[in-house]
PDB file of all heavy atoms in Angstrom:
ATOM      1  N   SER A   1    -117.847  37.464  55.607  1.00  0.00           N
ATOM      2  CA  SER A   1    -117.371  36.120  55.960  1.00  0.00           C
ATOM      3  C   SER A   1    -117.220  35.234  54.738  1.00  0.00           C
ATOM      4  O   SER A   1    -116.343  34.387  54.661  1.00  0.00           O
ATOM      5  CB  SER A   1    -118.352  35.487  56.978  1.00  0.00           C
ATOM      6  OG  SER A   1    -119.593  35.171  56.349  1.00  0.00           O
ATOM      7  N   VAL A   2    -118.155  35.393  53.805  1.00  0.00           N
ATOM      8  CA  VAL A   2    -118.092  34.649  52.552  1.00  0.00           C
ATOM      9  C   VAL A   2    -116.778  34.932  51.785  1.00  0.00           C
ATOM     10  O   VAL A   2    -116.076  34.055  51.327  1.00  0.00           O
ATOM     11  CB  VAL A   2    -119.306  34.899  51.656  1.00  0.00           C
ATOM     12  CG1 VAL A   2    -119.201  34.163  50.339  1.00  0.00           C
ATOM     13  CG2 VAL A   2    -120.570  34.508  52.385  1.00  0.00           C
ATOM     14  N   MET A   3    -116.521  36.237  51.673  1.00  0.00           N
ATOM     15  CA  MET A   3    -115.278  36.623  50.950  1.00  0.00           C
ATOM     16  C   MET A   3    -114.035  36.151  51.672  1.00  0.00           C
ATOM     17  O   MET A   3    -113.035  35.762  51.056  1.00  0.00           O
ATOM     18  CB  MET A   3    -115.245  38.185  50.775  1.00  0.00           C
ATOM     19  CG  MET A   3    -114.137  38.619  49.859  1.00  0.00           C
ATOM     20  SD  MET A   3    -114.191  40.386  49.462  1.00  0.00           S
ATOM     21  CE  MET A   3    -113.849  41.092  51.038  1.00  0.00           C
ATOM     22  N   LEU A   4    -114.075  36.095  53.043  1.00  0.00           N
ATOM     23  CA  LEU A   4    -112.937  35.657  53.800  1.00  0.00           C
ATOM     24  C   LEU A   4    -112.655  34.177  53.546  1.00  0.00           C
ATOM     25  O   LEU A   4    -111.450  33.821  53.454  1.00  0.00           O
ATOM     26  CB  LEU A   4    -113.211  35.889  55.305  1.00  0.00           C
ATOM     27  CG  LEU A   4    -112.085  35.533  56.238  1.00  0.00           C
ATOM     28  CD1 LEU A   4    -110.860  36.401  55.956  1.00  0.00           C
ATOM     29  CD2 LEU A   4    -112.524  35.690  57.716  1.00  0.00           C
ATOM     30  N   THR A   5    -113.665  33.351  53.408  1.00  0.00           N
ATOM     31  CA  THR A   5    -113.421  31.970  53.139  1.00  0.00           C
ATOM     32  C   THR A   5    -112.690  31.714  51.814  1.00  0.00           C
ATOM     33  O   THR A   5    -111.816  30.864  51.709  1.00  0.00           O
ATOM     34  CB  THR A   5    -114.735  31.148  53.139  1.00  0.00           C
ATOM     35  OG1 THR A   5    -115.605  31.633  52.102  1.00  0.00           O
ATOM     36  CG2 THR A   5    -115.433  31.268  54.473  1.00  0.00           C
ATOM     37  N   HIS A   6    -113.062  32.545  50.822  1.00  0.00           N
ATOM     38  CA  HIS A   6    -112.397  32.416  49.535  1.00  0.00           C
ATOM     39  C   HIS A   6    -110.997  33.016  49.564  1.00  0.00           C
ATOM     40  O   HIS A   6    -110.030  32.488  48.922  1.00  0.00           O
ATOM     41  CB  HIS A   6    -113.216  33.103  48.442  1.00  0.00           C
ATOM     42  CG  HIS A   6    -114.548  32.479  48.197  1.00  0.00           C
ATOM     43  ND1 HIS A   6    -114.704  31.198  47.717  1.00  0.00           N
ATOM     44  CD2 HIS A   6    -115.805  32.939  48.431  1.00  0.00           C
ATOM     45  CE1 HIS A   6    -115.981  30.914  47.611  1.00  0.00           C
ATOM     46  NE2 HIS A   6    -116.686  31.964  48.069  1.00  0.00           N
ATOM     47  N   LEU A   7    -110.837  34.109  50.297  1.00  0.00           N
ATOM     48  CA  LEU A   7    -109.508  34.772  50.374  1.00  0.00           C
ATOM     49  C   LEU A   7    -108.488  33.897  51.077  1.00  0.00           C
ATOM     50  O   LEU A   7    -107.318  33.780  50.594  1.00  0.00           O
ATOM     51  CB  LEU A   7    -109.685  36.114  51.118  1.00  0.00           C
ATOM     52  CG  LEU A   7    -108.403  36.949  51.211  1.00  0.00           C
ATOM     53  CD1 LEU A   7    -107.855  37.350  49.830  1.00  0.00           C
ATOM     54  CD2 LEU A   7    -108.655  38.199  52.050  1.00  0.00           C
ATOM     55  N   VAL A   8    -108.868  33.259  52.181  1.00  0.00           N
ATOM     56  CA  VAL A   8    -107.940  32.376  52.889  1.00  0.00           C
ATOM     57  C   VAL A   8    -107.591  31.166  52.006  1.00  0.00           C
ATOM     58  O   VAL A   8    -106.398  30.757  51.978  1.00  0.00           O
ATOM     59  CB  VAL A   8    -108.563  31.916  54.226  1.00  0.00           C
ATOM     60  CG1 VAL A   8    -107.696  30.867  54.883  1.00  0.00           C
ATOM     61  CG2 VAL A   8    -108.767  33.087  55.157  1.00  0.00           C
ATOM     62  N   GLU A   9    -108.544  30.645  51.300  1.00  0.00           N
ATOM     63  CA  GLU A   9    -108.282  29.514  50.409  1.00  0.00           C
ATOM     64  C   GLU A   9    -107.264  29.938  49.311  1.00  0.00           C
ATOM     65  O   GLU A   9    -106.359  29.194  48.976  1.00  0.00           O
ATOM     66  CB  GLU A   9    -109.581  29.049  49.804  1.00  0.00           C
ATOM     67  CG  GLU A   9    -109.417  27.896  48.765  1.00  0.00           C
ATOM     68  CD  GLU A   9    -109.106  26.598  49.415  1.00  0.00           C
ATOM     69  OE1 GLU A   9    -109.203  26.433  50.634  1.00  0.00           O
ATOM     70  OE2 GLU A   9    -108.733  25.633  48.641  1.00  0.00           O
ATOM     71  N   LEU A  10    -107.437  31.140  48.795  1.00  0.00           N
ATOM     72  CA  LEU A  10    -106.551  31.656  47.752  1.00  0.00           C
ATOM     73  C   LEU A  10    -105.141  31.859  48.269  1.00  0.00           C
ATOM     74  O   LEU A  10    -104.176  31.519  47.580  1.00  0.00           O
ATOM     75  CB  LEU A  10    -107.092  32.946  47.193  1.00  0.00           C
ATOM     76  CG  LEU A  10    -106.276  33.686  46.128  1.00  0.00           C
ATOM     77  CD1 LEU A  10    -106.156  32.854  44.863  1.00  0.00           C
ATOM     78  CD2 LEU A  10    -106.844  35.066  45.834  1.00  0.00           C
ATOM     79  N   MET A  11    -105.013  32.348  49.511  1.00  0.00           N
ATOM     80  CA  MET A  11    -103.689  32.715  50.049  1.00  0.00           C
ATOM     81  C   MET A  11    -102.907  31.476  50.481  1.00  0.00           C
ATOM     82  O   MET A  11    -101.672  31.449  50.356  1.00  0.00           O
ATOM     83  CB  MET A  11    -103.862  33.703  51.170  1.00  0.00           C
ATOM     84  CG  MET A  11    -104.394  35.050  50.811  1.00  0.00           C
ATOM     85  SD  MET A  11    -104.687  36.151  52.217  1.00  0.00           S
ATOM     86  CE  MET A  11    -103.033  36.297  52.868  1.00  0.00           C
ATOM     87  N   PHE A  12    -103.539  30.464  51.025  1.00  0.00           N
ATOM     88  CA  PHE A  12    -102.840  29.371  51.692  1.00  0.00           C
ATOM     89  C   PHE A  12    -102.983  27.994  51.077  1.00  0.00           C
ATOM     90  O   PHE A  12    -102.230  27.099  51.400  1.00  0.00           O
ATOM     91  CB  PHE A  12    -103.274  29.297  53.151  1.00  0.00           C
ATOM     92  CG  PHE A  12    -102.967  30.566  53.956  1.00  0.00           C
ATOM     93  CD1 PHE A  12    -103.969  31.439  54.278  1.00  0.00           C
ATOM     94  CD2 PHE A  12    -101.650  30.862  54.326  1.00  0.00           C
ATOM     95  CE1 PHE A  12    -103.682  32.574  55.001  1.00  0.00           C
ATOM     96  CE2 PHE A  12    -101.366  31.991  55.036  1.00  0.00           C
ATOM     97  CZ  PHE A  12    -102.394  32.868  55.423  1.00  0.00           C
ATOM     98  N   HIS A  13    -103.945  27.815  50.183  1.00  0.00           N
ATOM     99  CA  HIS A  13    -104.185  26.480  49.685  1.00  0.00           C
ATOM    100  C   HIS A  13    -104.185  26.337  48.144  1.00  0.00           C
ATOM    101  O   HIS A  13    -104.557  25.337  47.583  1.00  0.00           O
ATOM    102  CB  HIS A  13    -105.526  25.938  50.209  1.00  0.00           C
ATOM    103  CG  HIS A  13    -105.595  25.844  51.686  1.00  0.00           C
ATOM    104  ND1 HIS A  13    -106.042  26.840  52.493  1.00  0.00           N
ATOM    105  CD2 HIS A  13    -105.261  24.833  52.542  1.00  0.00           C
ATOM    106  CE1 HIS A  13    -105.971  26.464  53.766  1.00  0.00           C
ATOM    107  NE2 HIS A  13    -105.477  25.260  53.815  1.00  0.00           N
ATOM    108  N   VAL A  14    -103.766  27.384  47.483  1.00  0.00           N
ATOM    109  CA  VAL A  14    -103.658  27.329  46.021  1.00  0.00           C
ATOM    110  C   VAL A  14    -102.245  26.946  45.638  1.00  0.00           C
ATOM    111  O   VAL A  14    -101.290  27.620  46.056  1.00  0.00           O
ATOM    112  CB  VAL A  14    -104.031  28.702  45.400  1.00  0.00           C
ATOM    113  CG1 VAL A  14    -103.694  28.728  43.929  1.00  0.00           C
ATOM    114  CG2 VAL A  14    -105.539  28.949  45.604  1.00  0.00           C
ATOM    115  N   ARG A  15    -102.096  25.895  44.871  1.00  0.00           N
ATOM    116  CA  ARG A  15    -100.790  25.380  44.478  1.00  0.00           C
ATOM    117  C   ARG A  15    -100.542  25.432  42.957  1.00  0.00           C
ATOM    118  O   ARG A  15     -99.424  25.631  42.534  1.00  0.00           O
ATOM    119  CB  ARG A  15    -100.628  23.929  44.946  1.00  0.00           C
ATOM    120  CG  ARG A  15    -100.667  23.766  46.474  1.00  0.00           C
ATOM    121  CD  ARG A  15     -99.435  24.375  47.133  1.00  0.00           C
ATOM    122  NE  ARG A  15     -99.448  24.132  48.578  1.00  0.00           N
ATOM    123  CZ  ARG A  15     -99.957  25.018  49.469  1.00  0.00           C
ATOM    124  NH1 ARG A  15    -100.488  26.163  49.035  1.00  0.00           N
ATOM    125  NH2 ARG A  15     -99.974  24.753  50.760  1.00  0.00           N
ATOM    126  N   THR A  16    -101.564  25.252  42.161  1.00  0.00           N
ATOM    127  CA  THR A  16    -101.406  25.184  40.729  1.00  0.00           C
ATOM    128  C   THR A  16    -102.208  26.265  40.068  1.00  0.00           C
ATOM    129  O   THR A  16    -103.016  26.945  40.680  1.00  0.00           O
ATOM    130  CB  THR A  16    -101.878  23.813  40.175  1.00  0.00           C
ATOM    131  OG1 THR A  16    -103.269  23.678  40.409  1.00  0.00           O
ATOM    132  CG2 THR A  16    -101.111  22.665  40.892  1.00  0.00           C
ATOM    133  N   GLN A  17    -101.976  26.393  38.737  1.00  0.00           N
ATOM    134  CA  GLN A  17    -102.696  27.357  37.959  1.00  0.00           C
ATOM    135  C   GLN A  17    -104.182  27.026  37.882  1.00  0.00           C
ATOM    136  O   GLN A  17    -105.053  27.940  37.943  1.00  0.00           O
ATOM    137  CB  GLN A  17    -102.123  27.442  36.552  1.00  0.00           C
ATOM    138  CG  GLN A  17    -102.680  28.569  35.680  1.00  0.00           C
ATOM    139  CD  GLN A  17    -102.012  28.628  34.324  1.00  0.00           C
ATOM    140  OE1 GLN A  17    -101.430  27.665  33.884  1.00  0.00           O
ATOM    141  NE2 GLN A  17    -102.093  29.786  33.715  1.00  0.00           N
ATOM    142  N   LYS A  18    -104.528  25.726  37.865  1.00  0.00           N
ATOM    143  CA  LYS A  18    -105.916  25.352  37.855  1.00  0.00           C
ATOM    144  C   LYS A  18    -106.584  25.672  39.163  1.00  0.00           C
ATOM    145  O   LYS A  18    -107.749  26.130  39.198  1.00  0.00           O
ATOM    146  CB  LYS A  18    -106.036  23.852  37.563  1.00  0.00           C
ATOM    147  CG  LYS A  18    -107.480  23.414  37.332  1.00  0.00           C
ATOM    148  CD  LYS A  18    -107.591  21.937  37.029  1.00  0.00           C
ATOM    149  CE  LYS A  18    -109.015  21.522  36.737  1.00  0.00           C
ATOM    150  NZ  LYS A  18    -109.951  21.909  37.844  1.00  0.00           N
ATOM    151  N   ASP A  19    -105.869  25.467  40.299  1.00  0.00           N
ATOM    152  CA  ASP A  19    -106.433  25.843  41.597  1.00  0.00           C
ATOM    153  C   ASP A  19    -106.729  27.327  41.619  1.00  0.00           C
ATOM    154  O   ASP A  19    -107.755  27.784  42.142  1.00  0.00           O
ATOM    155  CB  ASP A  19    -105.432  25.504  42.720  1.00  0.00           C
ATOM    156  CG  ASP A  19    -105.281  23.992  42.884  1.00  0.00           C
ATOM    157  OD1 ASP A  19    -106.152  23.255  42.418  1.00  0.00           O
ATOM    158  OD2 ASP A  19    -104.272  23.593  43.487  1.00  0.00           O
ATOM    159  N   PHE A  20    -105.799  28.104  41.081  1.00  0.00           N
ATOM    160  CA  PHE A  20    -105.980  29.549  41.073  1.00  0.00           C
ATOM    161  C   PHE A  20    -107.211  29.988  40.240  1.00  0.00           C
ATOM    162  O   PHE A  20    -108.018  30.811  40.699  1.00  0.00           O
ATOM    163  CB  PHE A  20    -104.737  30.233  40.481  1.00  0.00           C
ATOM    164  CG  PHE A  20    -104.742  31.706  40.516  1.00  0.00           C
ATOM    165  CD1 PHE A  20    -104.517  32.427  41.721  1.00  0.00           C
ATOM    166  CD2 PHE A  20    -104.964  32.476  39.355  1.00  0.00           C
ATOM    167  CE1 PHE A  20    -104.529  33.796  41.754  1.00  0.00           C
ATOM    168  CE2 PHE A  20    -104.996  33.845  39.378  1.00  0.00           C
ATOM    169  CZ  PHE A  20    -104.770  34.531  40.583  1.00  0.00           C
ATOM    170  N   SER A  21    -107.349  29.390  39.092  1.00  0.00           N
ATOM    171  CA  SER A  21    -108.517  29.717  38.234  1.00  0.00           C
ATOM    172  C   SER A  21    -109.832  29.216  38.849  1.00  0.00           C
ATOM    173  O   SER A  21    -110.856  29.851  38.637  1.00  0.00           O
ATOM    174  CB  SER A  21    -108.353  29.127  36.850  1.00  0.00           C
ATOM    175  OG  SER A  21    -108.332  27.717  36.875  1.00  0.00           O
ATOM    176  N   ASP A  22    -109.761  28.116  39.617  1.00  0.00           N
ATOM    177  CA  ASP A  22    -110.989  27.583  40.250  1.00  0.00           C
ATOM    178  C   ASP A  22    -111.596  28.551  41.239  1.00  0.00           C
ATOM    179  O   ASP A  22    -112.819  28.566  41.414  1.00  0.00           O
ATOM    180  CB  ASP A  22    -110.644  26.257  40.976  1.00  0.00           C
ATOM    181  CG  ASP A  22    -110.530  25.080  40.026  1.00  0.00           C
ATOM    182  OD1 ASP A  22    -110.997  25.234  38.882  1.00  0.00           O
ATOM    183  OD2 ASP A  22    -109.951  24.080  40.411  1.00  0.00           O
ATOM    184  N   ILE A  23    -110.739  29.338  41.905  1.00  0.00           N
ATOM    185  CA  ILE A  23    -111.253  30.188  42.979  1.00  0.00           C
ATOM    186  C   ILE A  23    -111.380  31.642  42.586  1.00  0.00           C
ATOM    187  O   ILE A  23    -112.246  32.355  43.096  1.00  0.00           O
ATOM    188  CB  ILE A  23    -110.350  30.034  44.229  1.00  0.00           C
ATOM    189  CG1 ILE A  23    -111.039  30.705  45.452  1.00  0.00           C
ATOM    190  CG2 ILE A  23    -108.960  30.660  43.972  1.00  0.00           C
ATOM    191  CD1 ILE A  23    -110.335  30.415  46.727  1.00  0.00           C
ATOM    192  N   VAL A  24    -110.563  32.112  41.630  1.00  0.00           N
ATOM    193  CA  VAL A  24    -110.530  33.551  41.361  1.00  0.00           C
ATOM    194  C   VAL A  24    -111.876  33.989  40.755  1.00  0.00           C
ATOM    195  O   VAL A  24    -112.412  35.068  41.046  1.00  0.00           O
ATOM    196  CB  VAL A  24    -109.352  33.927  40.422  1.00  0.00           C
ATOM    197  CG1 VAL A  24    -109.534  35.277  39.839  1.00  0.00           C
ATOM    198  CG2 VAL A  24    -108.095  33.853  41.219  1.00  0.00           C
ATOM    199  N   TYR A  25    -112.459  33.189  39.829  1.00  0.00           N
ATOM    200  CA  TYR A  25    -113.646  33.682  39.151  1.00  0.00           C
ATOM    201  C   TYR A  25    -114.838  33.822  40.066  1.00  0.00           C
ATOM    202  O   TYR A  25    -115.637  34.735  39.972  1.00  0.00           O
ATOM    203  CB  TYR A  25    -113.983  32.783  37.959  1.00  0.00           C
ATOM    204  CG  TYR A  25    -114.630  31.457  38.249  1.00  0.00           C
ATOM    205  CD1 TYR A  25    -115.984  31.261  38.056  1.00  0.00           C
ATOM    206  CD2 TYR A  25    -113.866  30.369  38.705  1.00  0.00           C
ATOM    207  CE1 TYR A  25    -116.585  30.020  38.319  1.00  0.00           C
ATOM    208  CE2 TYR A  25    -114.450  29.138  38.985  1.00  0.00           C
ATOM    209  CZ  TYR A  25    -115.795  28.982  38.775  1.00  0.00           C
ATOM    210  OH  TYR A  25    -116.399  27.794  39.028  1.00  0.00           O
ATOM    211  N   ILE A  26    -114.976  32.938  41.105  1.00  0.00           N
ATOM    212  CA  ILE A  26    -116.070  33.080  42.040  1.00  0.00           C
ATOM    213  C   ILE A  26    -115.698  34.132  43.116  1.00  0.00           C
ATOM    214  O   ILE A  26    -116.580  34.896  43.559  1.00  0.00           O
ATOM    215  CB  ILE A  26    -116.381  31.700  42.720  1.00  0.00           C
ATOM    216  CG1 ILE A  26    -117.616  31.868  43.606  1.00  0.00           C
ATOM    217  CG2 ILE A  26    -115.195  31.231  43.558  1.00  0.00           C
ATOM    218  CD1 ILE A  26    -118.890  32.275  42.872  1.00  0.00           C
ATOM    219  N   MET A  27    -114.396  34.278  43.445  1.00  0.00           N
ATOM    220  CA  MET A  27    -114.019  35.291  44.401  1.00  0.00           C
ATOM    221  C   MET A  27    -114.228  36.683  43.811  1.00  0.00           C
ATOM    222  O   MET A  27    -114.582  37.625  44.519  1.00  0.00           O
ATOM    223  CB  MET A  27    -112.568  35.095  44.798  1.00  0.00           C
ATOM    224  CG  MET A  27    -112.108  36.071  45.866  1.00  0.00           C
ATOM    225  SD  MET A  27    -110.400  35.752  46.398  1.00  0.00           S
ATOM    226  CE  MET A  27    -110.141  37.219  47.408  1.00  0.00           C
ATOM    227  N   ALA A  28    -114.005  36.833  42.518  1.00  0.00           N
ATOM    228  CA  ALA A  28    -114.223  38.127  41.849  1.00  0.00           C
ATOM    229  C   ALA A  28    -115.706  38.504  41.950  1.00  0.00           C
ATOM    230  O   ALA A  28    -116.043  39.661  42.225  1.00  0.00           O
ATOM    231  CB  ALA A  28    -113.803  38.061  40.414  1.00  0.00           C
ATOM    232  N   SER A  29    -116.604  37.538  41.819  1.00  0.00           N
ATOM    233  CA  SER A  29    -118.038  37.800  41.916  1.00  0.00           C
ATOM    234  C   SER A  29    -118.400  38.219  43.337  1.00  0.00           C
ATOM    235  O   SER A  29    -119.130  39.166  43.547  1.00  0.00           O
ATOM    236  CB  SER A  29    -118.835  36.576  41.502  1.00  0.00           C
ATOM    237  OG  SER A  29    -120.216  36.790  41.679  1.00  0.00           O
ATOM    238  N   VAL A  30    -117.871  37.520  44.366  1.00  0.00           N
ATOM    239  CA  VAL A  30    -118.150  37.809  45.756  1.00  0.00           C
ATOM    240  C   VAL A  30    -117.632  39.171  46.124  1.00  0.00           C
ATOM    241  O   VAL A  30    -118.304  39.971  46.776  1.00  0.00           O
ATOM    242  CB  VAL A  30    -117.623  36.720  46.689  1.00  0.00           C
ATOM    243  CG1 VAL A  30    -117.763  37.096  48.125  1.00  0.00           C
ATOM    244  CG2 VAL A  30    -118.279  35.391  46.398  1.00  0.00           C
ATOM    245  N   ALA A  31    -116.384  39.477  45.680  1.00  0.00           N
ATOM    246  CA  ALA A  31    -115.805  40.786  45.967  1.00  0.00           C
ATOM    247  C   ALA A  31    -116.618  41.913  45.344  1.00  0.00           C
ATOM    248  O   ALA A  31    -116.813  42.974  45.916  1.00  0.00           O
ATOM    249  CB  ALA A  31    -114.356  40.832  45.492  1.00  0.00           C
ATOM    250  N   GLY A  32    -117.127  41.663  44.120  1.00  0.00           N
ATOM    251  CA  GLY A  32    -117.989  42.643  43.502  1.00  0.00           C
ATOM    252  C   GLY A  32    -119.268  42.854  44.249  1.00  0.00           C
ATOM    253  O   GLY A  32    -119.756  43.983  44.378  1.00  0.00           O
ATOM    254  N   GLY A  33    -119.834  41.795  44.782  1.00  0.00           N
ATOM    255  CA  GLY A  33    -121.063  41.945  45.620  1.00  0.00           C
ATOM    256  C   GLY A  33    -120.808  42.740  46.891  1.00  0.00           C
ATOM    257  O   GLY A  33    -121.638  43.542  47.273  1.00  0.00           O
ATOM    258  N   VAL A  34    -119.637  42.478  47.535  1.00  0.00           N
ATOM    259  CA  VAL A  34    -119.301  43.269  48.724  1.00  0.00           C
ATOM    260  C   VAL A  34    -119.127  44.730  48.406  1.00  0.00           C
ATOM    261  O   VAL A  34    -119.567  45.626  49.125  1.00  0.00           O
ATOM    262  CB  VAL A  34    -118.016  42.712  49.391  1.00  0.00           C
ATOM    263  CG1 VAL A  34    -117.524  43.605  50.500  1.00  0.00           C
ATOM    264  CG2 VAL A  34    -118.266  41.301  49.937  1.00  0.00           C
ATOM    265  N   CYS A  35    -118.476  45.011  47.276  1.00  0.00           N
ATOM    266  CA  CYS A  35    -118.234  46.397  46.825  1.00  0.00           C
ATOM    267  C   CYS A  35    -119.593  47.101  46.583  1.00  0.00           C
ATOM    268  O   CYS A  35    -119.825  48.210  47.014  1.00  0.00           O
ATOM    269  CB  CYS A  35    -117.397  46.405  45.559  1.00  0.00           C
ATOM    270  SG  CYS A  35    -117.313  48.027  44.764  1.00  0.00           S
ATOM    271  N   LYS A  36    -120.518  46.399  45.910  1.00  0.00           N
ATOM    272  CA  LYS A  36    -121.819  46.999  45.657  1.00  0.00           C
ATOM    273  C   LYS A  36    -122.643  47.245  46.908  1.00  0.00           C
ATOM    274  O   LYS A  36    -123.275  48.275  47.058  1.00  0.00           O
ATOM    275  CB  LYS A  36    -122.595  46.112  44.661  1.00  0.00           C
ATOM    276  CG  LYS A  36    -122.012  46.104  43.262  1.00  0.00           C
ATOM    277  CD  LYS A  36    -122.721  45.125  42.348  1.00  0.00           C
ATOM    278  CE  LYS A  36    -122.099  45.140  40.950  1.00  0.00           C
ATOM    279  NZ  LYS A  36    -122.753  44.197  40.051  1.00  0.00           N
ATOM    280  N   MET A  37    -122.567  46.283  47.835  1.00  0.00           N
ATOM    281  CA  MET A  37    -123.303  46.448  49.084  1.00  0.00           C
ATOM    282  C   MET A  37    -122.722  47.640  49.890  1.00  0.00           C
ATOM    283  O   MET A  37    -123.461  48.415  50.465  1.00  0.00           O
ATOM    284  CB  MET A  37    -123.239  45.188  49.894  1.00  0.00           C
ATOM    285  CG  MET A  37    -124.161  45.171  51.116  1.00  0.00           C
ATOM    286  SD  MET A  37    -124.266  43.544  51.874  1.00  0.00           S
ATOM    287  CE  MET A  37    -125.489  43.878  53.165  1.00  0.00           C
ATOM    288  N   THR A  38    -121.386  47.774  49.872  1.00  0.00           N
ATOM    289  CA  THR A  38    -120.753  48.893  50.576  1.00  0.00           C
ATOM    290  C   THR A  38    -121.159  50.209  49.971  1.00  0.00           C
ATOM    291  O   THR A  38    -121.493  51.185  50.661  1.00  0.00           O
ATOM    292  CB  THR A  38    -119.227  48.739  50.484  1.00  0.00           C
ATOM    293  OG1 THR A  38    -118.839  47.497  51.069  1.00  0.00           O
ATOM    294  CG2 THR A  38    -118.549  49.851  51.308  1.00  0.00           C
TER     295      THR A  38
END
């Protein structure tokens, strides 16, 4: 659910390069955590 909140924000609410960088670095960490838990 945590990763989903970041993914939806990335897909539908990112407009600028700064918006993209604001979310990608934390989303990468969350995705890595999901991968490790799996």
